[in-house]
Protein backbone atom coordinates (compact mmCIF):
# COMPACT_ATOMS: atom_id res chain seq x y z
CA MET A 1 15.29 6.23 8.93
CA SER A 2 11.78 5.42 10.12
CA LEU A 3 8.74 6.19 8.01
CA GLN A 4 7.70 8.95 10.41
CA GLU A 5 11.12 10.59 10.12
CA THR A 6 10.90 10.32 6.33
CA ILE A 7 7.49 12.01 6.38
CA LYS A 8 8.80 14.87 8.56
CA LYS A 9 11.74 15.38 6.21
CA GLN A 10 9.45 15.37 3.17
CA VAL A 11 7.15 17.96 4.79
CA ILE A 12 10.16 20.25 5.25
CA ASP A 13 11.33 19.59 1.68
CA ALA A 14 7.83 20.36 0.35
CA MET A 15 7.74 23.61 2.33
CA LYS A 16 11.12 24.64 0.93
CA ALA A 17 9.94 23.79 -2.59
CA LYS A 18 6.66 25.66 -1.98
CA ASP A 19 4.78 22.48 -2.94
CA THR A 20 1.60 23.10 -0.97
CA LEU A 21 -0.17 19.95 -2.15
CA ALA A 22 2.66 17.66 -1.01
CA ARG A 23 3.02 19.61 2.23
CA ASP A 24 -0.68 19.38 2.98
CA VAL A 25 -1.14 15.69 2.19
CA LEU A 26 1.95 14.81 4.23
CA ARG A 27 0.69 16.91 7.15
CA VAL A 28 -2.63 15.07 7.05
CA LEU A 29 -0.68 11.81 7.19
CA GLN A 30 1.42 13.14 10.08
CA GLY A 31 -1.75 14.15 11.92
CA ASP A 32 -3.26 10.68 11.54
CA ILE A 33 -0.08 9.09 12.87
CA GLU A 34 0.16 11.53 15.79
CA MET A 35 -3.51 10.90 16.61
CA HIS A 36 -2.64 7.25 17.22
CA HIS A 37 0.05 8.34 19.70
CA THR A 38 -2.37 10.71 21.42
CA ARG A 39 -5.06 8.04 21.76
CA THR A 40 -2.88 5.12 22.80
CA GLY A 41 0.26 6.70 24.22
CA GLU A 42 2.28 4.40 21.96
CA HIS A 43 4.42 5.35 19.02
CA MET A 44 3.39 3.80 15.72
CA THR A 45 5.59 1.18 14.11
CA ASP A 46 6.51 1.53 10.45
CA ASP A 47 4.07 -1.27 9.59
CA GLN A 48 1.25 0.57 11.35
CA ALA A 49 2.22 3.85 9.67
CA GLN A 50 2.19 2.09 6.28
CA LYS A 51 -1.37 0.97 6.99
CA VAL A 52 -2.34 4.61 7.58
CA VAL A 53 -0.71 5.55 4.25
CA ARG A 54 -2.63 2.76 2.49
CA LYS A 55 -5.86 3.93 4.13
CA LEU A 56 -5.36 7.46 2.76
CA ILE A 57 -4.56 6.06 -0.69
CA LYS A 58 -7.69 3.92 -0.60
CA SER A 59 -9.76 6.91 0.44
CA ASN A 60 -8.47 8.91 -2.52
CA GLN A 61 -9.12 5.98 -4.88
CA GLU A 62 -12.70 5.73 -3.60
CA THR A 63 -13.17 9.45 -4.21
CA LEU A 64 -11.83 8.99 -7.75
CA ALA A 65 -14.42 6.26 -8.30
CA VAL A 66 -17.22 8.82 -7.90
CA LYS A 67 -15.81 10.66 -10.91
CA PRO A 68 -15.02 14.14 -9.59
CA ASP A 69 -14.15 17.02 -11.94
CA ALA A 70 -10.87 17.03 -13.88
CA ALA A 71 -9.04 19.32 -11.44
CA ALA A 72 -9.97 17.10 -8.49
CA VAL A 73 -8.89 13.99 -10.41
CA GLU A 74 -5.48 15.53 -11.08
CA LYS A 75 -5.08 16.57 -7.42
CA LEU A 76 -6.14 13.15 -6.07
CA ASN A 77 -3.83 11.31 -8.48
CA ARG A 78 -0.92 13.50 -7.41
CA GLU A 79 -1.72 12.86 -3.73
CA ILE A 80 -1.80 9.12 -4.41
CA THR A 81 1.61 9.34 -6.12
CA ILE A 82 3.07 11.24 -3.14
CA LEU A 83 1.68 8.71 -0.67
CA GLU A 84 2.68 5.64 -2.72
CA ALA A 85 6.28 6.89 -2.76
CA LEU A 86 6.33 6.35 1.02
CA LEU A 87 5.49 2.65 0.74
CA PRO A 88 7.91 -0.14 -0.09
CA ARG A 89 7.68 -1.35 -3.65
CA THR A 90 5.30 -4.28 -3.98
CA LEU A 91 5.72 -7.20 -6.35
CA GLY A 92 3.76 -7.20 -9.58
CA ILE A 93 1.55 -10.10 -10.64
CA ASP A 94 4.23 -11.73 -12.82
CA GLU A 95 6.77 -11.46 -9.99
CA ILE A 96 4.28 -13.03 -7.57
CA VAL A 97 3.65 -15.89 -10.01
CA ALA A 98 7.41 -16.50 -10.16
CA ALA A 99 7.71 -16.36 -6.34
CA LEU A 100 4.90 -18.94 -6.05
CA ALA A 101 6.55 -21.47 -8.37
CA ALA A 102 7.58 -23.62 -5.39
CA VAL A 103 3.95 -24.02 -4.22
CA GLU A 104 2.27 -24.14 -7.62
CA GLY A 105 1.06 -27.70 -7.05
CA GLY A 106 -0.58 -26.74 -3.75
CA ILE A 107 -2.27 -23.76 -5.35
CA LYS A 108 -3.69 -25.86 -8.19
CA ALA A 109 -4.78 -28.59 -5.77
CA ALA A 110 -6.68 -26.18 -3.49
CA GLY A 111 -10.46 -26.52 -3.47
CA ASN A 112 -11.18 -22.94 -4.54
CA ASP A 113 -9.47 -19.62 -5.23
CA GLY A 114 -9.79 -18.54 -1.59
CA GLN A 115 -7.98 -21.62 -0.31
CA ALA A 116 -5.39 -21.27 -3.07
CA THR A 117 -4.79 -17.64 -2.05
CA GLY A 118 -4.28 -18.86 1.52
CA VAL A 119 -1.62 -21.29 0.33
CA ALA A 120 0.04 -18.46 -1.59
CA MET A 121 0.01 -16.04 1.33
CA LYS A 122 1.44 -18.67 3.69
CA HIS A 123 4.32 -19.03 1.25
CA LEU A 124 4.88 -15.30 0.61
CA LYS A 125 4.53 -13.80 4.11
CA PRO A 126 7.46 -15.63 5.79
CA GLN A 127 9.70 -14.43 2.97
CA GLY A 128 8.85 -10.82 3.85
CA LEU A 129 7.77 -10.04 0.30
CA ALA A 130 5.65 -6.90 -0.06
CA VAL A 131 2.50 -7.84 -1.97
CA GLU A 132 -1.00 -6.47 -2.40
CA GLY A 133 -3.83 -8.91 -1.73
CA LYS A 134 -5.55 -8.17 -5.04
CA ASP A 135 -2.30 -8.92 -6.90
CA VAL A 136 -1.88 -12.23 -5.06
CA SER A 137 -5.46 -13.15 -5.99
CA ALA A 138 -4.78 -12.30 -9.64
CA ALA A 139 -1.55 -14.34 -9.60
CA VAL A 140 -3.37 -17.31 -8.03
CA LYS A 141 -6.08 -17.16 -10.71
CA GLN A 142 -3.39 -17.00 -13.38
CA ILE A 143 -1.63 -20.08 -11.93
CA ARG A 144 -4.88 -22.01 -11.55
CA SER A 145 -5.95 -21.27 -15.13
CA ALA A 146 -2.62 -22.38 -16.63
């Protein structure tokens, strides 16, 4: 099932459960995805749709950084949880360190953290591992400091 189909199903499930917050945040996501189709005439791939989900999560995290009231914090955190459930699970820092064991020498030999992160990403991407850039950076720093 594609991500867009999953979102549609979850909107229906949220409506049946009378979960207005989930329904609303998923409808916003649906609208952003449909806007892409309207503008380009092309249907969004799952990878593109995941980027839209990440953009909404980042937007909520930025709003949380401005320290809204307690009710807004609770709502934003719940929205983030709903949206994160749509994304594939990403590796944690320790799992990334383990996955980079084969290129540890290259990471340590790199001139700086940026180059070392490049070595790491070149190793991780072909394997199709889902990772967050900030976690890869943290794993690289951990390997370089060991």
